Amino acid sequence: MLIANHSGKVLEAGLDEAGRGCLAGPVVAGAVILPPDYFHPLLTDSKQLSARQREQLREEVWREAVHWAVAEVSPQEIDQINILNASFLAMHRALDQFSVTPEFLLVDGNRFKAYRDVPHACMVKGDSRFYSIAAASILAKTHRDDLMHTLGQAHPHYHWQQNAGYPTKAHRNAIAQYGVSPHHRLTFRLLPAADPLVLEG
């Protein structure tokens, strides 16, 4: 069973990202403050849920969260500052959208760059331990999946509607055949080292 609150602070925000391991598209972060006594029987790590469950839970989070936000960092920015720093930046951008400053941050994972002077704790597998992080993971993943579906309509040969930009065989085969798009992360290993990259079209 997940935990509703870790710090005892009312304005405790959970943070998580989606798309860190992708070859294309932005990295997206969610930030969510839930009521301190929040409970939901189905809410957990977004990766353990079906697409339909994620959509239902996204609406639940929109309704029940005290504050929530989603933010992106582009592939070009990822190439400039690296994916770890881009993940932190996306989280900071999400927090910047809040109308209040959180009293405490719960961050999924084991590393974080401090946000202002707000105390934080890193939680390994936090999205399966804390409701606020799970809610943030739901918002980040559903937002990013929607975005990649839209981008996939303009670039159908990469199959982003199915792979969301992750390094599947079909995605890499399409890069080899068609080259890279403006949405690919050029500092990532898009193909095996022996295969040269070309521009799409």
N, C-alpha and C. Protein backbone atom coordinates (compact mmCIF):
# COMPACT_ATOMS: atom_id res chain seq x y z
N MET A 1 0.83 -1.20 0.00
CA MET A 1 0.00 0.00 0.00
C MET A 1 0.87 1.25 0.00
N LEU A 2 0.50 2.23 -0.82
CA LEU A 2 1.28 3.44 -0.92
C LEU A 2 1.04 4.36 0.27
N ILE A 3 1.98 5.29 0.47
CA ILE A 3 1.94 6.23 1.59
C ILE A 3 1.52 7.60 1.07
N ALA A 4 0.65 8.26 1.82
CA ALA A 4 0.12 9.55 1.39
C ALA A 4 1.06 10.70 1.68
N ASN A 5 1.85 10.61 2.75
CA ASN A 5 2.68 11.74 3.14
C ASN A 5 3.92 11.24 3.85
N HIS A 6 5.06 11.84 3.54
CA HIS A 6 6.33 11.41 4.13
C HIS A 6 6.84 12.39 5.18
N SER A 7 6.75 13.68 4.88
CA SER A 7 7.39 14.69 5.70
C SER A 7 6.53 15.23 6.83
N GLY A 8 5.22 15.03 6.74
CA GLY A 8 4.32 15.65 7.68
C GLY A 8 3.91 17.06 7.29
N LYS A 9 4.49 17.57 6.19
CA LYS A 9 4.14 18.89 5.69
C LYS A 9 2.90 18.80 4.80
N VAL A 10 2.03 19.79 4.91
CA VAL A 10 0.80 19.78 4.10
C VAL A 10 1.13 19.94 2.63
N LEU A 11 2.05 20.83 2.30
CA LEU A 11 2.38 21.09 0.89
C LEU A 11 3.60 20.27 0.48
N GLU A 12 3.43 18.95 0.48
CA GLU A 12 4.47 18.02 0.05
C GLU A 12 4.21 17.64 -1.40
N ALA A 13 5.17 17.91 -2.27
CA ALA A 13 5.01 17.66 -3.71
C ALA A 13 5.79 16.43 -4.13
N GLY A 14 5.14 15.55 -4.89
CA GLY A 14 5.82 14.43 -5.51
C GLY A 14 6.27 14.78 -6.91
N LEU A 15 7.44 14.29 -7.30
CA LEU A 15 8.03 14.59 -8.61
C LEU A 15 8.47 13.31 -9.30
N ASP A 16 8.18 13.23 -10.59
CA ASP A 16 8.65 12.10 -11.40
C ASP A 16 8.74 12.55 -12.85
N GLU A 17 9.52 11.80 -13.64
CA GLU A 17 9.69 12.14 -15.06
C GLU A 17 9.33 10.94 -15.93
N ALA A 18 9.13 11.23 -17.20
CA ALA A 18 8.86 10.19 -18.20
C ALA A 18 9.69 10.50 -19.44
N GLY A 19 10.20 9.45 -20.05
CA GLY A 19 10.91 9.61 -21.32
C GLY A 19 12.41 9.77 -21.21
N ARG A 20 12.95 9.46 -20.07
CA ARG A 20 14.40 9.65 -19.90
C ARG A 20 15.21 8.75 -20.83
N GLY A 21 14.75 7.53 -21.06
CA GLY A 21 15.51 6.60 -21.88
C GLY A 21 15.14 6.60 -23.35
N CYS A 22 14.36 7.57 -23.79
CA CYS A 22 13.90 7.60 -25.18
C CYS A 22 14.98 8.15 -26.12
N LEU A 23 14.85 7.82 -27.39
CA LEU A 23 15.73 8.35 -28.41
C LEU A 23 15.18 9.63 -29.03
N ALA A 24 13.90 9.88 -28.85
CA ALA A 24 13.25 11.03 -29.47
C ALA A 24 12.23 11.63 -28.52
N GLY A 25 11.92 12.91 -28.75
CA GLY A 25 10.93 13.60 -27.95
C GLY A 25 11.51 14.19 -26.69
N PRO A 26 10.72 15.03 -26.01
CA PRO A 26 11.19 15.67 -24.79
C PRO A 26 11.19 14.72 -23.60
N VAL A 27 11.87 15.11 -22.55
CA VAL A 27 11.66 14.49 -21.26
C VAL A 27 10.59 15.33 -20.56
N VAL A 28 9.66 14.67 -19.90
CA VAL A 28 8.50 15.34 -19.29
C VAL A 28 8.48 15.02 -17.80
N ALA A 29 8.21 16.04 -17.00
CA ALA A 29 8.10 15.84 -15.55
C ALA A 29 6.73 16.25 -15.05
N GLY A 30 6.26 15.53 -14.05
CA GLY A 30 5.04 15.90 -13.35
C GLY A 30 5.36 16.28 -11.92
N ALA A 31 4.59 17.20 -11.37
CA ALA A 31 4.71 17.60 -9.97
C ALA A 31 3.30 17.65 -9.39
N VAL A 32 3.09 17.00 -8.26
CA VAL A 32 1.74 16.88 -7.70
C VAL A 32 1.77 17.04 -6.18
N ILE A 33 0.88 17.88 -5.67
CA ILE A 33 0.61 17.95 -4.24
C ILE A 33 -0.79 17.38 -4.02
N LEU A 34 -0.88 16.32 -3.24
CA LEU A 34 -2.16 15.69 -2.90
C LEU A 34 -2.53 16.03 -1.46
N PRO A 35 -3.80 15.87 -1.11
CA PRO A 35 -4.17 16.04 0.31
C PRO A 35 -3.37 15.08 1.18
N PRO A 36 -2.98 15.49 2.39
CA PRO A 36 -2.12 14.64 3.24
C PRO A 36 -2.73 13.29 3.60
N ASP A 37 -4.06 13.18 3.54
CA ASP A 37 -4.72 11.91 3.88
C ASP A 37 -5.22 11.19 2.63
N TYR A 38 -4.64 11.49 1.49
CA TYR A 38 -5.13 10.94 0.22
C TYR A 38 -5.03 9.42 0.20
N PHE A 39 -6.02 8.80 -0.46
CA PHE A 39 -6.01 7.35 -0.68
C PHE A 39 -6.70 7.04 -1.99
N HIS A 40 -6.14 6.09 -2.73
CA HIS A 40 -6.81 5.55 -3.90
C HIS A 40 -6.35 4.11 -4.10
N PRO A 41 -7.27 3.17 -4.29
CA PRO A 41 -6.89 1.75 -4.33
C PRO A 41 -6.09 1.34 -5.56
N LEU A 42 -6.15 2.12 -6.65
CA LEU A 42 -5.48 1.73 -7.88
C LEU A 42 -4.23 2.53 -8.21
N LEU A 43 -4.09 3.69 -7.62
CA LEU A 43 -2.99 4.57 -7.98
C LEU A 43 -1.65 3.97 -7.57
N THR A 44 -0.76 3.82 -8.58
CA THR A 44 0.59 3.29 -8.34
C THR A 44 1.47 3.71 -9.52
N ASP A 45 2.66 3.17 -9.56
CA ASP A 45 3.61 3.43 -10.64
C ASP A 45 2.93 3.29 -12.00
N SER A 46 3.04 4.32 -12.84
CA SER A 46 2.34 4.32 -14.14
C SER A 46 2.73 3.14 -15.01
N LYS A 47 3.96 2.63 -14.85
CA LYS A 47 4.42 1.52 -15.70
C LYS A 47 3.69 0.22 -15.38
N GLN A 48 3.05 0.15 -14.22
CA GLN A 48 2.33 -1.05 -13.82
C GLN A 48 0.85 -1.01 -14.21
N LEU A 49 0.45 0.04 -14.90
CA LEU A 49 -0.96 0.25 -15.23
C LEU A 49 -1.19 0.16 -16.73
N SER A 50 -2.41 -0.14 -17.13
CA SER A 50 -2.77 -0.13 -18.54
C SER A 50 -2.99 1.31 -18.98
N ALA A 51 -2.99 1.53 -20.30
CA ALA A 51 -3.22 2.87 -20.83
C ALA A 51 -4.58 3.41 -20.37
N ARG A 52 -5.57 2.55 -20.35
CA ARG A 52 -6.91 2.98 -19.92
C ARG A 52 -6.89 3.38 -18.44
N GLN A 53 -6.22 2.59 -17.60
CA GLN A 53 -6.13 2.94 -16.18
C GLN A 53 -5.40 4.26 -15.98
N ARG A 54 -4.34 4.47 -16.76
CA ARG A 54 -3.60 5.73 -16.64
C ARG A 54 -4.48 6.92 -16.99
N GLU A 55 -5.30 6.78 -18.02
CA GLU A 55 -6.18 7.88 -18.40
C GLU A 55 -7.21 8.16 -17.30
N GLN A 56 -7.76 7.12 -16.72
CA GLN A 56 -8.72 7.30 -15.64
C GLN A 56 -8.07 7.96 -14.43
N LEU A 57 -6.85 7.54 -14.12
CA LEU A 57 -6.16 8.09 -12.96
C LEU A 57 -5.67 9.51 -13.21
N ARG A 58 -5.37 9.83 -14.46
CA ARG A 58 -5.00 11.22 -14.77
C ARG A 58 -6.15 12.15 -14.40
N GLU A 59 -7.36 11.76 -14.79
CA GLU A 59 -8.52 12.58 -14.45
C GLU A 59 -8.75 12.65 -12.94
N GLU A 60 -8.48 11.54 -12.26
CA GLU A 60 -8.58 11.52 -10.80
C GLU A 60 -7.59 12.53 -10.19
N VAL A 61 -6.36 12.53 -10.68
CA VAL A 61 -5.35 13.46 -10.15
C VAL A 61 -5.75 14.90 -10.44
N TRP A 62 -6.23 15.16 -11.65
CA TRP A 62 -6.68 16.52 -11.98
C TRP A 62 -7.75 16.99 -10.99
N ARG A 63 -8.67 16.09 -10.64
CA ARG A 63 -9.76 16.46 -9.74
C ARG A 63 -9.30 16.65 -8.29
N GLU A 64 -8.46 15.74 -7.82
CA GLU A 64 -8.19 15.64 -6.39
C GLU A 64 -6.93 16.35 -5.93
N ALA A 65 -6.00 16.62 -6.84
CA ALA A 65 -4.74 17.25 -6.42
C ALA A 65 -4.97 18.67 -5.92
N VAL A 66 -4.22 19.05 -4.91
CA VAL A 66 -4.23 20.43 -4.42
C VAL A 66 -3.56 21.33 -5.45
N HIS A 67 -2.44 20.86 -5.99
CA HIS A 67 -1.73 21.53 -7.08
C HIS A 67 -1.11 20.46 -7.98
N TRP A 68 -1.07 20.72 -9.27
CA TRP A 68 -0.38 19.81 -10.17
C TRP A 68 0.15 20.60 -11.37
N ALA A 69 1.20 20.07 -11.99
CA ALA A 69 1.77 20.72 -13.17
C ALA A 69 2.58 19.69 -13.95
N VAL A 70 2.74 19.96 -15.24
CA VAL A 70 3.56 19.14 -16.14
C VAL A 70 4.45 20.08 -16.94
N ALA A 71 5.70 19.68 -17.17
CA ALA A 71 6.63 20.52 -17.93
C ALA A 71 7.52 19.65 -18.80
N GLU A 72 8.04 20.24 -19.86
CA GLU A 72 8.87 19.54 -20.84
C GLU A 72 10.25 20.19 -20.94
N VAL A 73 11.23 19.38 -21.34
CA VAL A 73 12.54 19.87 -21.78
C VAL A 73 12.79 19.23 -23.14
N SER A 74 13.11 20.04 -24.12
CA SER A 74 13.16 19.61 -25.52
C SER A 74 14.37 18.73 -25.81
N PRO A 75 14.33 17.97 -26.93
CA PRO A 75 15.50 17.19 -27.33
C PRO A 75 16.75 18.05 -27.51
N GLN A 76 16.57 19.26 -28.04
CA GLN A 76 17.73 20.14 -28.24
C GLN A 76 18.35 20.54 -26.90
N GLU A 77 17.51 20.82 -25.93
CA GLU A 77 18.02 21.14 -24.59
C GLU A 77 18.68 19.93 -23.95
N ILE A 78 18.10 18.75 -24.15
CA ILE A 78 18.70 17.52 -23.63
C ILE A 78 20.10 17.35 -24.20
N ASP A 79 20.27 17.59 -25.50
CA ASP A 79 21.58 17.45 -26.13
C ASP A 79 22.58 18.46 -25.57
N GLN A 80 22.10 19.61 -25.13
CA GLN A 80 22.99 20.65 -24.61
C GLN A 80 23.42 20.39 -23.17
N ILE A 81 22.50 19.89 -22.33
CA ILE A 81 22.81 19.82 -20.90
C ILE A 81 22.84 18.40 -20.34
N ASN A 82 22.56 17.40 -21.14
CA ASN A 82 22.49 15.95 -20.85
C ASN A 82 21.16 15.59 -20.18
N ILE A 83 20.83 14.32 -20.26
CA ILE A 83 19.49 13.88 -19.88
C ILE A 83 19.26 13.98 -18.36
N LEU A 84 20.29 13.78 -17.55
CA LEU A 84 20.11 13.89 -16.12
C LEU A 84 19.73 15.32 -15.73
N ASN A 85 20.51 16.28 -16.21
CA ASN A 85 20.20 17.68 -15.92
C ASN A 85 18.87 18.10 -16.54
N ALA A 86 18.54 17.55 -17.69
CA ALA A 86 17.26 17.87 -18.33
C ALA A 86 16.10 17.35 -17.50
N SER A 87 16.26 16.19 -16.89
CA SER A 87 15.21 15.65 -16.01
C SER A 87 14.99 16.57 -14.81
N PHE A 88 16.09 17.04 -14.22
CA PHE A 88 15.97 17.98 -13.10
C PHE A 88 15.31 19.29 -13.55
N LEU A 89 15.71 19.78 -14.73
CA LEU A 89 15.15 21.03 -15.24
C LEU A 89 13.65 20.89 -15.48
N ALA A 90 13.22 19.75 -16.02
CA ALA A 90 11.78 19.54 -16.25
C ALA A 90 11.02 19.58 -14.93
N MET A 91 11.58 18.96 -13.89
CA MET A 91 10.94 18.99 -12.57
C MET A 91 10.88 20.41 -12.04
N HIS A 92 11.96 21.15 -12.18
CA HIS A 92 11.97 22.55 -11.72
C HIS A 92 10.94 23.38 -12.47
N ARG A 93 10.83 23.16 -13.78
CA ARG A 93 9.85 23.91 -14.57
C ARG A 93 8.43 23.58 -14.13
N ALA A 94 8.18 22.33 -13.78
CA ALA A 94 6.85 21.97 -13.28
C ALA A 94 6.56 22.70 -11.97
N LEU A 95 7.53 22.70 -11.08
CA LEU A 95 7.34 23.38 -9.80
C LEU A 95 7.16 24.89 -9.97
N ASP A 96 7.83 25.45 -10.97
CA ASP A 96 7.69 26.88 -11.25
C ASP A 96 6.26 27.27 -11.57
N GLN A 97 5.46 26.31 -12.03
CA GLN A 97 4.08 26.61 -12.40
C GLN A 97 3.15 26.67 -11.19
N PHE A 98 3.58 26.18 -10.05
CA PHE A 98 2.73 26.19 -8.86
C PHE A 98 2.49 27.63 -8.41
N SER A 99 1.32 27.87 -7.89
CA SER A 99 1.00 29.18 -7.32
C SER A 99 1.47 29.30 -5.88
N VAL A 100 1.96 28.20 -5.31
CA VAL A 100 2.53 28.20 -3.96
C VAL A 100 3.89 27.51 -4.02
N THR A 101 4.72 27.78 -3.05
CA THR A 101 6.00 27.08 -2.94
C THR A 101 5.82 25.86 -2.05
N PRO A 102 6.14 24.67 -2.54
CA PRO A 102 5.99 23.48 -1.70
C PRO A 102 6.87 23.58 -0.45
N GLU A 103 6.42 22.88 0.60
CA GLU A 103 7.19 22.83 1.84
C GLU A 103 8.21 21.69 1.83
N PHE A 104 7.97 20.69 0.99
CA PHE A 104 8.86 19.54 0.92
C PHE A 104 8.67 18.86 -0.43
N LEU A 105 9.75 18.27 -0.96
CA LEU A 105 9.70 17.59 -2.25
C LEU A 105 10.08 16.13 -2.08
N LEU A 106 9.27 15.26 -2.65
CA LEU A 106 9.57 13.83 -2.75
C LEU A 106 9.91 13.52 -4.20
N VAL A 107 11.13 13.08 -4.46
CA VAL A 107 11.62 12.92 -5.82
C VAL A 107 11.85 11.45 -6.11
N ASP A 108 11.30 10.97 -7.21
CA ASP A 108 11.55 9.58 -7.61
C ASP A 108 13.00 9.43 -8.06
N GLY A 109 13.67 8.39 -7.59
CA GLY A 109 15.05 8.15 -7.99
C GLY A 109 16.02 8.41 -6.86
N ASN A 110 17.31 8.51 -7.22
CA ASN A 110 18.34 8.65 -6.18
C ASN A 110 19.17 9.93 -6.30
N ARG A 111 18.79 10.83 -7.24
CA ARG A 111 19.53 12.08 -7.39
C ARG A 111 18.56 13.21 -7.74
N PHE A 112 18.92 14.41 -7.29
CA PHE A 112 18.10 15.58 -7.59
C PHE A 112 18.94 16.83 -7.38
N LYS A 113 18.66 17.85 -8.16
CA LYS A 113 19.28 19.16 -7.99
C LYS A 113 18.31 20.02 -7.19
N ALA A 114 18.74 20.53 -6.07
CA ALA A 114 17.85 21.24 -5.15
C ALA A 114 17.07 22.34 -5.85
N TYR A 115 15.82 22.46 -5.47
CA TYR A 115 14.93 23.50 -6.01
C TYR A 115 14.80 24.61 -4.99
N ARG A 116 15.34 25.79 -5.34
CA ARG A 116 15.34 26.93 -4.41
C ARG A 116 15.90 26.43 -3.07
N ASP A 117 15.23 26.76 -1.97
CA ASP A 117 15.69 26.28 -0.67
C ASP A 117 14.71 25.28 -0.07
N VAL A 118 13.95 24.60 -0.94
CA VAL A 118 12.94 23.64 -0.47
C VAL A 118 13.63 22.32 -0.13
N PRO A 119 13.45 21.80 1.07
CA PRO A 119 14.05 20.50 1.41
C PRO A 119 13.43 19.39 0.57
N HIS A 120 14.24 18.35 0.29
CA HIS A 120 13.74 17.25 -0.54
C HIS A 120 14.32 15.93 -0.06
N ALA A 121 13.69 14.86 -0.51
CA ALA A 121 14.19 13.50 -0.27
C ALA A 121 14.04 12.72 -1.56
N CYS A 122 15.08 11.99 -1.92
CA CYS A 122 15.05 11.12 -3.09
C CYS A 122 14.59 9.73 -2.66
N MET A 123 13.67 9.17 -3.43
CA MET A 123 13.08 7.89 -3.08
C MET A 123 13.22 6.91 -4.24
N VAL A 124 14.07 5.92 -4.09
CA VAL A 124 14.21 4.89 -5.11
C VAL A 124 12.90 4.11 -5.21
N LYS A 125 12.42 3.93 -6.43
CA LYS A 125 11.12 3.29 -6.68
C LYS A 125 10.00 4.03 -5.95
N GLY A 126 10.15 5.34 -5.86
CA GLY A 126 9.18 6.15 -5.14
C GLY A 126 7.80 6.13 -5.76
N ASP A 127 7.72 5.86 -7.08
CA ASP A 127 6.41 5.85 -7.74
C ASP A 127 5.58 4.64 -7.35
N SER A 128 6.16 3.66 -6.70
CA SER A 128 5.38 2.54 -6.18
C SER A 128 5.30 2.56 -4.66
N ARG A 129 5.74 3.70 -4.05
CA ARG A 129 5.74 3.82 -2.59
C ARG A 129 4.91 5.00 -2.09
N PHE A 130 4.82 6.05 -2.89
CA PHE A 130 4.16 7.28 -2.44
C PHE A 130 3.13 7.74 -3.47
N TYR A 131 1.94 8.09 -2.99
CA TYR A 131 0.87 8.51 -3.89
C TYR A 131 1.25 9.73 -4.73
N SER A 132 1.91 10.70 -4.12
CA SER A 132 2.20 11.93 -4.87
C SER A 132 3.17 11.68 -6.01
N ILE A 133 4.16 10.81 -5.80
CA ILE A 133 5.09 10.48 -6.88
C ILE A 133 4.39 9.66 -7.94
N ALA A 134 3.55 8.71 -7.53
CA ALA A 134 2.78 7.92 -8.49
C ALA A 134 1.90 8.83 -9.34
N ALA A 135 1.26 9.82 -8.71
CA ALA A 135 0.42 10.75 -9.44
C ALA A 135 1.24 11.57 -10.42
N ALA A 136 2.43 11.99 -10.01
CA ALA A 136 3.31 12.73 -10.92
C ALA A 136 3.73 11.86 -12.10
N SER A 137 3.98 10.58 -11.85
CA SER A 137 4.36 9.68 -12.93
C SER A 137 3.22 9.49 -13.92
N ILE A 138 1.99 9.44 -13.43
CA ILE A 138 0.81 9.32 -14.29
C ILE A 138 0.70 10.54 -15.20
N LEU A 139 0.81 11.72 -14.62
CA LEU A 139 0.68 12.95 -15.42
C LEU A 139 1.80 13.06 -16.44
N ALA A 140 3.02 12.74 -16.04
CA ALA A 140 4.15 12.86 -16.96
C ALA A 140 4.01 11.87 -18.12
N LYS A 141 3.67 10.63 -17.80
CA LYS A 141 3.61 9.62 -18.86
C LYS A 141 2.44 9.87 -19.82
N THR A 142 1.28 10.18 -19.30
CA THR A 142 0.13 10.40 -20.19
C THR A 142 0.34 11.63 -21.06
N HIS A 143 0.92 12.69 -20.49
CA HIS A 143 1.21 13.89 -21.27
C HIS A 143 2.19 13.56 -22.39
N ARG A 144 3.23 12.82 -22.04
CA ARG A 144 4.26 12.51 -23.04
C ARG A 144 3.73 11.55 -24.11
N ASP A 145 2.96 10.57 -23.70
CA ASP A 145 2.38 9.64 -24.68
C ASP A 145 1.48 10.38 -25.67
N ASP A 146 0.67 11.31 -25.17
CA ASP A 146 -0.17 12.11 -26.06
C ASP A 146 0.68 12.90 -27.04
N LEU A 147 1.74 13.51 -26.54
CA LEU A 147 2.61 14.32 -27.38
C LEU A 147 3.28 13.46 -28.45
N MET A 148 3.79 12.30 -28.07
CA MET A 148 4.48 11.44 -29.04
C MET A 148 3.50 10.87 -30.07
N HIS A 149 2.26 10.66 -29.66
CA HIS A 149 1.24 10.22 -30.62
C HIS A 149 1.02 11.30 -31.68
N THR A 150 0.96 12.56 -31.24
CA THR A 150 0.79 13.66 -32.18
C THR A 150 2.00 13.81 -33.09
N LEU A 151 3.20 13.75 -32.52
CA LEU A 151 4.41 13.84 -33.34
C LEU A 151 4.50 12.66 -34.30
N GLY A 152 4.01 11.50 -33.86
CA GLY A 152 4.06 10.32 -34.71
C GLY A 152 3.19 10.44 -35.95
N GLN A 153 2.14 11.25 -35.87
CA GLN A 153 1.31 11.45 -37.05
C GLN A 153 2.06 12.21 -38.14
N ALA A 154 2.99 13.07 -37.74
CA ALA A 154 3.79 13.82 -38.71
C ALA A 154 5.01 13.02 -39.17
N HIS A 155 5.40 12.02 -38.39
CA HIS A 155 6.58 11.20 -38.71
C HIS A 155 6.22 9.73 -38.54
N PRO A 156 5.32 9.21 -39.38
CA PRO A 156 4.73 7.89 -39.12
C PRO A 156 5.72 6.73 -39.19
N HIS A 157 6.81 6.89 -39.94
CA HIS A 157 7.69 5.73 -40.12
C HIS A 157 8.48 5.37 -38.85
N TYR A 158 8.49 6.25 -37.84
CA TYR A 158 9.19 5.90 -36.60
C TYR A 158 8.31 5.13 -35.61
N HIS A 159 7.01 5.03 -35.88
CA HIS A 159 6.09 4.24 -35.04
C HIS A 159 6.02 4.77 -33.60
N TRP A 160 6.06 6.09 -33.46
CA TRP A 160 6.03 6.67 -32.11
C TRP A 160 4.70 6.44 -31.41
N GLN A 161 3.62 6.22 -32.17
CA GLN A 161 2.35 5.91 -31.50
C GLN A 161 2.46 4.63 -30.69
N GLN A 162 3.33 3.73 -31.13
CA GLN A 162 3.51 2.46 -30.42
C GLN A 162 4.69 2.50 -29.44
N ASN A 163 5.81 3.12 -29.83
CA ASN A 163 7.01 3.03 -28.99
C ASN A 163 7.32 4.29 -28.19
N ALA A 164 6.56 5.38 -28.43
CA ALA A 164 6.71 6.64 -27.68
C ALA A 164 8.14 7.18 -27.70
N GLY A 165 8.91 6.76 -28.71
CA GLY A 165 10.29 7.25 -28.83
C GLY A 165 11.33 6.38 -28.18
N TYR A 166 10.91 5.29 -27.54
CA TYR A 166 11.87 4.39 -26.91
C TYR A 166 12.65 3.59 -27.97
N PRO A 167 13.80 3.04 -27.61
CA PRO A 167 14.68 2.38 -28.59
C PRO A 167 14.24 0.96 -28.95
N THR A 168 13.08 0.83 -29.58
CA THR A 168 12.64 -0.47 -30.06
C THR A 168 13.36 -0.81 -31.37
N LYS A 169 13.25 -2.05 -31.76
CA LYS A 169 13.86 -2.47 -33.03
C LYS A 169 13.25 -1.72 -34.19
N ALA A 170 11.92 -1.57 -34.19
CA ALA A 170 11.25 -0.86 -35.29
C ALA A 170 11.70 0.59 -35.36
N HIS A 171 11.85 1.22 -34.21
CA HIS A 171 12.30 2.62 -34.18
C HIS A 171 13.71 2.74 -34.75
N ARG A 172 14.60 1.88 -34.31
CA ARG A 172 15.99 1.96 -34.80
C ARG A 172 16.08 1.60 -36.28
N ASN A 173 15.27 0.64 -36.72
CA ASN A 173 15.26 0.31 -38.15
C ASN A 173 14.80 1.51 -38.98
N ALA A 174 13.82 2.26 -38.46
CA ALA A 174 13.34 3.44 -39.18
C ALA A 174 14.39 4.53 -39.22
N ILE A 175 15.14 4.70 -38.14
CA ILE A 175 16.24 5.68 -38.15
C ILE A 175 17.27 5.29 -39.18
N ALA A 176 17.60 4.01 -39.25
CA ALA A 176 18.57 3.54 -40.23
C ALA A 176 18.10 3.78 -41.66
N GLN A 177 16.79 3.63 -41.88
CA GLN A 177 16.25 3.77 -43.23
C GLN A 177 15.98 5.22 -43.61
N TYR A 178 15.41 5.99 -42.67
CA TYR A 178 14.94 7.34 -43.00
C TYR A 178 15.80 8.46 -42.42
N GLY A 179 16.73 8.13 -41.53
CA GLY A 179 17.53 9.16 -40.89
C GLY A 179 16.85 9.71 -39.65
N VAL A 180 17.41 10.78 -39.12
CA VAL A 180 16.88 11.36 -37.89
C VAL A 180 15.91 12.50 -38.20
N SER A 181 15.00 12.72 -37.26
CA SER A 181 14.03 13.81 -37.35
C SER A 181 14.48 14.97 -36.47
N PRO A 182 13.81 16.12 -36.55
CA PRO A 182 14.13 17.22 -35.62
C PRO A 182 13.84 16.89 -34.16
N HIS A 183 13.14 15.77 -33.92
CA HIS A 183 12.76 15.42 -32.55
C HIS A 183 13.68 14.38 -31.92
N HIS A 184 14.70 13.94 -32.65
CA HIS A 184 15.63 12.95 -32.09
C HIS A 184 16.70 13.63 -31.23
N ARG A 185 17.17 12.88 -30.25
CA ARG A 185 18.23 13.34 -29.36
C ARG A 185 19.56 12.91 -29.96
N LEU A 186 20.28 13.86 -30.51
CA LEU A 186 21.45 13.52 -31.31
C LEU A 186 22.64 13.07 -30.48
N THR A 187 22.64 13.35 -29.18
CA THR A 187 23.73 12.89 -28.33
C THR A 187 23.50 11.47 -27.81
N PHE A 188 22.34 10.89 -28.11
CA PHE A 188 22.07 9.50 -27.73
C PHE A 188 22.59 8.57 -28.83
N ARG A 189 22.85 7.33 -28.45
CA ARG A 189 23.26 6.34 -29.45
C ARG A 189 22.01 5.85 -30.17
N LEU A 190 21.71 6.49 -31.28
CA LEU A 190 20.50 6.18 -32.02
C LEU A 190 20.62 4.88 -32.80
N LEU A 191 21.83 4.58 -33.24
CA LEU A 191 22.11 3.36 -33.99
C LEU A 191 23.39 2.73 -33.46
N PRO A 192 23.64 1.45 -33.77
CA PRO A 192 24.95 0.88 -33.46
C PRO A 192 26.06 1.75 -34.07
N ALA A 193 27.19 1.76 -33.41
CA ALA A 193 28.27 2.70 -33.76
C ALA A 193 28.69 2.60 -35.23
N ALA A 194 28.54 1.44 -35.83
CA ALA A 194 29.01 1.27 -37.21
C ALA A 194 28.09 1.89 -38.25
N ASP A 195 26.85 2.23 -37.84
CA ASP A 195 25.88 2.74 -38.79
C ASP A 195 25.88 4.26 -38.81
N PRO A 196 26.12 4.91 -39.94
CA PRO A 196 26.13 6.37 -40.00
C PRO A 196 24.70 6.93 -39.92
N LEU A 197 24.58 8.12 -39.33
CA LEU A 197 23.30 8.81 -39.25
C LEU A 197 23.12 9.74 -40.44
N VAL A 198 21.89 9.84 -40.92
CA VAL A 198 21.56 10.79 -41.97
C VAL A 198 20.32 11.58 -41.53
N LEU A 199 20.08 12.70 -42.17
CA LEU A 199 18.90 13.48 -41.84
C LEU A 199 17.67 12.92 -42.53
N GLU A 200 16.54 13.03 -41.87
CA GLU A 200 15.28 12.52 -42.42
C GLU A 200 15.00 13.18 -43.77
N GLY A 201 14.54 12.36 -44.71
CA GLY A 201 14.15 12.89 -46.03
C GLY A 201 15.32 13.01 -46.97
